[in-house]
Amino acid sequence: MTVLYTAHVHVAGGRDGRADSDDKKLSLTLSRPGSSGGGTNPEQLFAAGYAACFASAIAFVAGQKKLETGAISIQSDVTLNQNEGGFFIEPTLNVQLPAIDRALAEELVREAHKVCPYSKAVRGNVNVALKLNGTPLEIA
């Protein structure tokens, strides 16, 4: 294994606190979802990170196949839920790949879901919904 990068972020105060990276490129006020606090929340951060990672995974898979995808954009929605077992999240990634045909786009999204580090991290523990150009996509 080759370590490519390690992120270092210090959080003080939990959902009502601050998050600061050691390189000072990230410095955020945190607040609870739906609150009047002036900061972001962990679900928004997860949504942004997952979408960015997933778009890069699509580009990686396409590059391996020597395919040009055109612009890749993703609407990432992360829902915070609660049941008798506690709190949990459910992400939905709506991938926009308008420059390529549907069958090829589906293949790229499915393969990206297999290699994306975020997808791997939540696999088997978090229900992830994938959409392609607004249409639900079945994942194995």
N, C-alpha and C. Protein backbone atom coordinates (compact mmCIF):
# COMPACT_ATOMS: atom_id res chain seq x y z
N MET A 1 0.84 -1.18 0.00
CA MET A 1 0.00 0.00 0.00
C MET A 1 0.88 1.24 0.00
N THR A 2 0.46 2.24 -0.76
CA THR A 2 1.13 3.53 -0.80
C THR A 2 0.18 4.58 -0.25
N VAL A 3 0.61 5.28 0.78
CA VAL A 3 -0.20 6.36 1.33
C VAL A 3 -0.05 7.57 0.41
N LEU A 4 -1.16 8.07 -0.12
CA LEU A 4 -1.14 9.20 -1.03
C LEU A 4 -1.33 10.54 -0.31
N TYR A 5 -2.10 10.53 0.76
CA TYR A 5 -2.40 11.78 1.46
C TYR A 5 -3.10 11.45 2.76
N THR A 6 -2.85 12.25 3.78
CA THR A 6 -3.57 12.16 5.04
C THR A 6 -4.07 13.55 5.40
N ALA A 7 -5.38 13.68 5.59
CA ALA A 7 -5.96 14.95 6.01
C ALA A 7 -5.91 15.04 7.53
N HIS A 8 -5.61 16.22 8.02
CA HIS A 8 -5.55 16.46 9.46
C HIS A 8 -6.47 17.64 9.78
N VAL A 9 -7.57 17.37 10.48
CA VAL A 9 -8.53 18.40 10.84
C VAL A 9 -8.84 18.27 12.32
N HIS A 10 -8.81 19.39 13.01
CA HIS A 10 -9.15 19.41 14.43
C HIS A 10 -10.53 20.04 14.59
N VAL A 11 -11.42 19.36 15.30
CA VAL A 11 -12.76 19.88 15.58
C VAL A 11 -12.89 20.08 17.07
N ALA A 12 -13.35 21.25 17.45
CA ALA A 12 -13.63 21.56 18.85
C ALA A 12 -15.08 22.03 18.94
N GLY A 13 -15.83 21.47 19.86
CA GLY A 13 -17.21 21.90 20.07
C GLY A 13 -18.25 21.12 19.30
N GLY A 14 -17.86 20.06 18.60
CA GLY A 14 -18.82 19.23 17.89
C GLY A 14 -19.59 20.00 16.84
N ARG A 15 -20.90 19.74 16.75
CA ARG A 15 -21.75 20.36 15.73
C ARG A 15 -21.93 21.86 15.94
N ASP A 16 -21.57 22.36 17.09
CA ASP A 16 -21.68 23.80 17.36
C ASP A 16 -20.29 24.41 17.56
N GLY A 17 -19.31 23.87 16.89
CA GLY A 17 -17.94 24.30 17.12
C GLY A 17 -17.23 24.80 15.88
N ARG A 18 -15.98 24.41 15.77
CA ARG A 18 -15.12 24.82 14.66
C ARG A 18 -14.37 23.62 14.13
N ALA A 19 -14.02 23.69 12.84
CA ALA A 19 -13.16 22.70 12.21
C ALA A 19 -12.03 23.45 11.51
N ASP A 20 -10.80 23.05 11.81
CA ASP A 20 -9.63 23.70 11.22
C ASP A 20 -8.61 22.65 10.80
N SER A 21 -8.13 22.78 9.58
CA SER A 21 -7.10 21.86 9.11
C SER A 21 -5.73 22.38 9.52
N ASP A 22 -4.77 21.45 9.59
CA ASP A 22 -3.44 21.84 10.01
C ASP A 22 -2.75 22.76 9.01
N ASP A 23 -3.15 22.69 7.74
CA ASP A 23 -2.54 23.56 6.72
C ASP A 23 -3.28 24.88 6.55
N LYS A 24 -4.34 25.08 7.36
CA LYS A 24 -5.14 26.31 7.39
C LYS A 24 -5.96 26.54 6.11
N LYS A 25 -6.05 25.53 5.22
CA LYS A 25 -6.87 25.68 4.02
C LYS A 25 -8.35 25.48 4.32
N LEU A 26 -8.65 24.85 5.45
CA LEU A 26 -10.03 24.65 5.89
C LEU A 26 -10.17 25.27 7.27
N SER A 27 -11.11 26.19 7.38
CA SER A 27 -11.39 26.83 8.66
C SER A 27 -12.87 27.17 8.66
N LEU A 28 -13.66 26.37 9.38
CA LEU A 28 -15.11 26.48 9.31
C LEU A 28 -15.76 26.59 10.69
N THR A 29 -16.80 27.38 10.71
CA THR A 29 -17.71 27.37 11.85
C THR A 29 -18.73 26.29 11.58
N LEU A 30 -19.03 25.48 12.59
CA LEU A 30 -20.00 24.40 12.45
C LEU A 30 -21.29 24.76 13.17
N SER A 31 -22.39 24.28 12.63
CA SER A 31 -23.69 24.45 13.30
C SER A 31 -24.57 23.26 12.97
N ARG A 32 -25.57 23.06 13.78
CA ARG A 32 -26.48 21.93 13.60
C ARG A 32 -27.34 22.13 12.36
N PRO A 33 -27.70 21.02 11.67
CA PRO A 33 -28.59 21.14 10.51
C PRO A 33 -29.90 21.83 10.88
N GLY A 34 -30.31 22.77 10.06
CA GLY A 34 -31.57 23.45 10.29
C GLY A 34 -31.53 24.54 11.34
N SER A 35 -30.39 24.74 11.98
CA SER A 35 -30.29 25.76 13.02
C SER A 35 -30.04 27.13 12.39
N SER A 36 -30.14 28.15 13.19
CA SER A 36 -29.87 29.49 12.70
C SER A 36 -28.38 29.84 12.81
N GLY A 37 -27.57 28.86 13.23
CA GLY A 37 -26.14 29.09 13.34
C GLY A 37 -25.54 29.45 11.98
N GLY A 38 -24.45 30.17 12.00
CA GLY A 38 -23.86 30.67 10.77
C GLY A 38 -22.91 29.72 10.08
N GLY A 39 -22.82 28.49 10.53
CA GLY A 39 -21.84 27.58 9.95
C GLY A 39 -22.45 26.48 9.12
N THR A 40 -21.58 25.64 8.62
CA THR A 40 -21.99 24.46 7.87
C THR A 40 -22.17 23.31 8.83
N ASN A 41 -22.63 22.17 8.33
CA ASN A 41 -22.80 21.01 9.20
C ASN A 41 -22.12 19.80 8.58
N PRO A 42 -21.91 18.74 9.36
CA PRO A 42 -21.20 17.57 8.86
C PRO A 42 -21.86 16.93 7.64
N GLU A 43 -23.18 17.00 7.54
CA GLU A 43 -23.86 16.40 6.39
C GLU A 43 -23.52 17.14 5.10
N GLN A 44 -23.43 18.47 5.19
CA GLN A 44 -23.03 19.25 4.02
C GLN A 44 -21.59 18.94 3.63
N LEU A 45 -20.74 18.82 4.62
CA LEU A 45 -19.34 18.49 4.33
C LEU A 45 -19.21 17.11 3.69
N PHE A 46 -19.97 16.15 4.22
CA PHE A 46 -19.95 14.80 3.66
C PHE A 46 -20.47 14.82 2.22
N ALA A 47 -21.56 15.58 1.99
CA ALA A 47 -22.13 15.68 0.64
C ALA A 47 -21.12 16.24 -0.35
N ALA A 48 -20.41 17.27 0.05
CA ALA A 48 -19.41 17.88 -0.83
C ALA A 48 -18.25 16.92 -1.08
N GLY A 49 -17.75 16.30 -0.02
CA GLY A 49 -16.63 15.38 -0.18
C GLY A 49 -16.98 14.19 -1.04
N TYR A 50 -18.17 13.61 -0.81
CA TYR A 50 -18.58 12.43 -1.57
C TYR A 50 -18.74 12.78 -3.04
N ALA A 51 -19.39 13.90 -3.35
CA ALA A 51 -19.60 14.29 -4.74
C ALA A 51 -18.28 14.55 -5.45
N ALA A 52 -17.37 15.23 -4.79
CA ALA A 52 -16.06 15.52 -5.39
C ALA A 52 -15.30 14.23 -5.65
N CYS A 53 -15.30 13.34 -4.68
CA CYS A 53 -14.60 12.07 -4.82
C CYS A 53 -15.23 11.22 -5.93
N PHE A 54 -16.57 11.19 -5.98
CA PHE A 54 -17.26 10.37 -6.96
C PHE A 54 -17.03 10.89 -8.37
N ALA A 55 -17.02 12.21 -8.55
CA ALA A 55 -16.74 12.79 -9.87
C ALA A 55 -15.33 12.41 -10.31
N SER A 56 -14.39 12.44 -9.40
CA SER A 56 -13.02 12.04 -9.73
C SER A 56 -12.95 10.55 -10.06
N ALA A 57 -13.74 9.73 -9.38
CA ALA A 57 -13.78 8.30 -9.67
C ALA A 57 -14.33 8.05 -11.08
N ILE A 58 -15.35 8.80 -11.47
CA ILE A 58 -15.88 8.67 -12.84
C ILE A 58 -14.80 9.05 -13.85
N ALA A 59 -14.11 10.16 -13.61
CA ALA A 59 -13.04 10.59 -14.51
C ALA A 59 -11.93 9.54 -14.57
N PHE A 60 -11.60 8.93 -13.43
CA PHE A 60 -10.57 7.89 -13.39
C PHE A 60 -10.98 6.69 -14.24
N VAL A 61 -12.20 6.21 -14.04
CA VAL A 61 -12.70 5.05 -14.79
C VAL A 61 -12.73 5.38 -16.29
N ALA A 62 -13.22 6.56 -16.62
CA ALA A 62 -13.27 6.97 -18.03
C ALA A 62 -11.87 7.04 -18.62
N GLY A 63 -10.93 7.57 -17.86
CA GLY A 63 -9.55 7.66 -18.32
C GLY A 63 -8.94 6.30 -18.59
N GLN A 64 -9.26 5.34 -17.73
CA GLN A 64 -8.75 3.98 -17.92
C GLN A 64 -9.29 3.37 -19.22
N LYS A 65 -10.50 3.78 -19.60
CA LYS A 65 -11.13 3.28 -20.82
C LYS A 65 -10.85 4.19 -22.02
N LYS A 66 -10.05 5.24 -21.76
CA LYS A 66 -9.72 6.23 -22.79
C LYS A 66 -10.97 6.87 -23.40
N LEU A 67 -11.91 7.23 -22.50
CA LEU A 67 -13.16 7.85 -22.90
C LEU A 67 -13.19 9.31 -22.46
N GLU A 68 -13.80 10.15 -23.25
CA GLU A 68 -14.01 11.55 -22.90
C GLU A 68 -15.44 11.69 -22.40
N THR A 69 -15.60 12.18 -21.18
CA THR A 69 -16.94 12.28 -20.59
C THR A 69 -17.60 13.64 -20.81
N GLY A 70 -16.84 14.65 -21.11
CA GLY A 70 -17.37 16.00 -21.06
C GLY A 70 -17.49 16.40 -19.60
N ALA A 71 -18.25 17.44 -19.35
CA ALA A 71 -18.40 17.95 -17.98
C ALA A 71 -19.12 16.92 -17.10
N ILE A 72 -18.60 16.73 -15.90
CA ILE A 72 -19.22 15.86 -14.90
C ILE A 72 -19.69 16.76 -13.77
N SER A 73 -20.97 16.68 -13.44
CA SER A 73 -21.45 17.39 -12.26
C SER A 73 -22.33 16.45 -11.45
N ILE A 74 -22.37 16.70 -10.16
CA ILE A 74 -23.13 15.82 -9.26
C ILE A 74 -23.88 16.68 -8.25
N GLN A 75 -25.18 16.43 -8.15
CA GLN A 75 -25.99 16.98 -7.07
C GLN A 75 -25.96 15.94 -5.96
N SER A 76 -25.37 16.28 -4.83
CA SER A 76 -25.22 15.36 -3.72
C SER A 76 -26.14 15.78 -2.59
N ASP A 77 -27.03 14.88 -2.20
CA ASP A 77 -27.97 15.13 -1.11
C ASP A 77 -27.71 14.10 -0.02
N VAL A 78 -27.47 14.55 1.19
CA VAL A 78 -27.23 13.65 2.32
C VAL A 78 -28.32 13.92 3.36
N THR A 79 -29.14 12.91 3.60
CA THR A 79 -30.23 13.01 4.55
C THR A 79 -29.79 12.45 5.90
N LEU A 80 -30.05 13.21 6.95
CA LEU A 80 -29.79 12.75 8.32
C LEU A 80 -31.10 12.20 8.86
N ASN A 81 -31.10 10.95 9.26
CA ASN A 81 -32.29 10.26 9.76
C ASN A 81 -32.08 9.81 11.19
N GLN A 82 -33.19 9.47 11.84
CA GLN A 82 -33.14 8.88 13.17
C GLN A 82 -34.22 7.82 13.26
N ASN A 83 -33.85 6.67 13.83
CA ASN A 83 -34.82 5.62 14.14
C ASN A 83 -34.50 5.10 15.53
N GLU A 84 -35.13 3.98 15.91
CA GLU A 84 -34.92 3.43 17.26
C GLU A 84 -33.46 3.05 17.53
N GLY A 85 -32.69 2.83 16.46
CA GLY A 85 -31.27 2.47 16.61
C GLY A 85 -30.34 3.67 16.69
N GLY A 86 -30.86 4.86 16.46
CA GLY A 86 -30.02 6.05 16.52
C GLY A 86 -30.07 6.85 15.22
N PHE A 87 -29.01 7.57 14.97
CA PHE A 87 -28.92 8.44 13.80
C PHE A 87 -28.19 7.74 12.67
N PHE A 88 -28.56 8.08 11.43
CA PHE A 88 -27.85 7.54 10.27
C PHE A 88 -28.06 8.46 9.08
N ILE A 89 -27.17 8.35 8.10
CA ILE A 89 -27.27 9.17 6.90
C ILE A 89 -27.61 8.31 5.69
N GLU A 90 -28.21 8.95 4.70
CA GLU A 90 -28.50 8.31 3.42
C GLU A 90 -28.15 9.30 2.30
N PRO A 91 -27.05 9.04 1.60
CA PRO A 91 -26.67 9.92 0.50
C PRO A 91 -27.34 9.52 -0.82
N THR A 92 -27.64 10.54 -1.62
CA THR A 92 -28.11 10.36 -2.98
C THR A 92 -27.18 11.17 -3.88
N LEU A 93 -26.61 10.51 -4.87
CA LEU A 93 -25.75 11.19 -5.84
C LEU A 93 -26.46 11.20 -7.18
N ASN A 94 -26.78 12.38 -7.67
CA ASN A 94 -27.41 12.53 -8.97
C ASN A 94 -26.34 13.02 -9.94
N VAL A 95 -25.81 12.09 -10.72
CA VAL A 95 -24.71 12.36 -11.64
C VAL A 95 -25.25 12.89 -12.96
N GLN A 96 -24.64 13.97 -13.43
CA GLN A 96 -25.00 14.54 -14.73
C GLN A 96 -23.85 14.29 -15.70
N LEU A 97 -24.13 13.48 -16.71
CA LEU A 97 -23.16 13.19 -17.78
C LEU A 97 -23.87 13.38 -19.13
N PRO A 98 -24.19 14.60 -19.49
CA PRO A 98 -25.00 14.83 -20.68
C PRO A 98 -24.28 14.60 -22.00
N ALA A 99 -22.95 14.54 -21.97
CA ALA A 99 -22.21 14.45 -23.23
C ALA A 99 -22.03 13.03 -23.76
N ILE A 100 -22.43 12.02 -22.99
CA ILE A 100 -22.26 10.65 -23.47
C ILE A 100 -23.58 9.89 -23.41
N ASP A 101 -23.66 8.81 -24.18
CA ASP A 101 -24.92 8.06 -24.24
C ASP A 101 -25.22 7.38 -22.92
N ARG A 102 -26.48 7.10 -22.70
CA ARG A 102 -26.99 6.58 -21.43
C ARG A 102 -26.30 5.28 -21.01
N ALA A 103 -26.19 4.31 -21.92
CA ALA A 103 -25.61 3.01 -21.56
C ALA A 103 -24.17 3.16 -21.09
N LEU A 104 -23.39 3.96 -21.77
CA LEU A 104 -22.00 4.16 -21.39
C LEU A 104 -21.91 4.93 -20.07
N ALA A 105 -22.77 5.92 -19.90
CA ALA A 105 -22.79 6.69 -18.66
C ALA A 105 -23.13 5.79 -17.47
N GLU A 106 -24.12 4.90 -17.64
CA GLU A 106 -24.49 3.97 -16.58
C GLU A 106 -23.30 3.10 -16.19
N GLU A 107 -22.60 2.60 -17.19
CA GLU A 107 -21.43 1.75 -16.94
C GLU A 107 -20.37 2.51 -16.14
N LEU A 108 -20.10 3.75 -16.52
CA LEU A 108 -19.09 4.55 -15.82
C LEU A 108 -19.51 4.82 -14.37
N VAL A 109 -20.77 5.14 -14.15
CA VAL A 109 -21.24 5.43 -12.79
C VAL A 109 -21.17 4.18 -11.92
N ARG A 110 -21.58 3.05 -12.45
CA ARG A 110 -21.52 1.80 -11.68
C ARG A 110 -20.08 1.44 -11.33
N GLU A 111 -19.18 1.57 -12.29
CA GLU A 111 -17.78 1.26 -12.02
C GLU A 111 -17.16 2.26 -11.05
N ALA A 112 -17.54 3.52 -11.18
CA ALA A 112 -17.04 4.53 -10.24
C ALA A 112 -17.47 4.20 -8.82
N HIS A 113 -18.70 3.70 -8.67
CA HIS A 113 -19.20 3.34 -7.34
C HIS A 113 -18.38 2.21 -6.73
N LYS A 114 -17.77 1.39 -7.56
CA LYS A 114 -16.92 0.30 -7.05
C LYS A 114 -15.56 0.79 -6.60
N VAL A 115 -15.04 1.88 -7.22
CA VAL A 115 -13.68 2.32 -6.91
C VAL A 115 -13.61 3.58 -6.05
N CYS A 116 -14.69 4.34 -5.94
CA CYS A 116 -14.67 5.58 -5.15
C CYS A 116 -14.40 5.27 -3.68
N PRO A 117 -13.40 5.92 -3.07
CA PRO A 117 -13.10 5.67 -1.66
C PRO A 117 -14.28 5.94 -0.72
N TYR A 118 -15.10 6.94 -1.00
CA TYR A 118 -16.28 7.19 -0.16
C TYR A 118 -17.27 6.05 -0.29
N SER A 119 -17.51 5.60 -1.52
CA SER A 119 -18.43 4.47 -1.72
C SER A 119 -17.94 3.23 -0.98
N LYS A 120 -16.63 3.00 -1.07
CA LYS A 120 -16.06 1.86 -0.36
C LYS A 120 -16.22 2.00 1.15
N ALA A 121 -16.05 3.23 1.65
CA ALA A 121 -16.11 3.46 3.10
C ALA A 121 -17.50 3.19 3.67
N VAL A 122 -18.54 3.46 2.89
CA VAL A 122 -19.91 3.31 3.41
C VAL A 122 -20.57 2.01 2.97
N ARG A 123 -19.96 1.29 2.05
CA ARG A 123 -20.57 0.07 1.49
C ARG A 123 -20.93 -0.92 2.60
N GLY A 124 -22.17 -1.40 2.57
CA GLY A 124 -22.63 -2.38 3.54
C GLY A 124 -23.14 -1.76 4.83
N ASN A 125 -22.99 -0.45 4.96
CA ASN A 125 -23.41 0.21 6.19
C ASN A 125 -24.36 1.37 5.94
N VAL A 126 -24.31 1.96 4.76
CA VAL A 126 -25.11 3.13 4.41
C VAL A 126 -25.79 2.87 3.08
N ASN A 127 -27.09 3.14 3.01
CA ASN A 127 -27.80 3.02 1.74
C ASN A 127 -27.48 4.22 0.87
N VAL A 128 -26.87 3.97 -0.28
CA VAL A 128 -26.53 5.02 -1.23
C VAL A 128 -27.46 4.88 -2.43
N ALA A 129 -28.08 5.98 -2.81
CA ALA A 129 -28.91 5.99 -4.02
C ALA A 129 -28.13 6.71 -5.11
N LEU A 130 -28.07 6.09 -6.28
CA LEU A 130 -27.43 6.72 -7.43
C LEU A 130 -28.49 7.07 -8.46
N LYS A 131 -28.32 8.23 -9.06
CA LYS A 131 -29.17 8.65 -10.17
C LYS A 131 -28.27 9.08 -11.30
N LEU A 132 -28.74 8.93 -12.51
CA LEU A 132 -28.01 9.40 -13.68
C LEU A 132 -28.95 10.32 -14.45
N ASN A 133 -28.57 11.58 -14.56
CA ASN A 133 -29.38 12.59 -15.24
C ASN A 133 -30.81 12.59 -14.71
N GLY A 134 -30.93 12.41 -13.38
CA GLY A 134 -32.24 12.48 -12.71
C GLY A 134 -33.00 11.18 -12.61
N THR A 135 -32.54 10.13 -13.27
CA THR A 135 -33.23 8.84 -13.28
C THR A 135 -32.52 7.87 -12.33
N PRO A 136 -33.24 7.21 -11.42
CA PRO A 136 -32.60 6.25 -10.52
C PRO A 136 -31.84 5.17 -11.28
N LEU A 137 -30.70 4.79 -10.71
CA LEU A 137 -29.83 3.80 -11.33
C LEU A 137 -29.68 2.64 -10.35
N GLU A 138 -30.00 1.45 -10.80
CA GLU A 138 -29.83 0.26 -9.96
C GLU A 138 -28.34 -0.03 -9.78
N ILE A 139 -27.95 -0.34 -8.56
CA ILE A 139 -26.56 -0.71 -8.29
C ILE A 139 -26.53 -2.09 -7.68
N ALA A 140 -25.50 -2.81 -8.04
CA ALA A 140 -25.37 -4.20 -7.54
C ALA A 140 -24.70 -4.23 -6.20
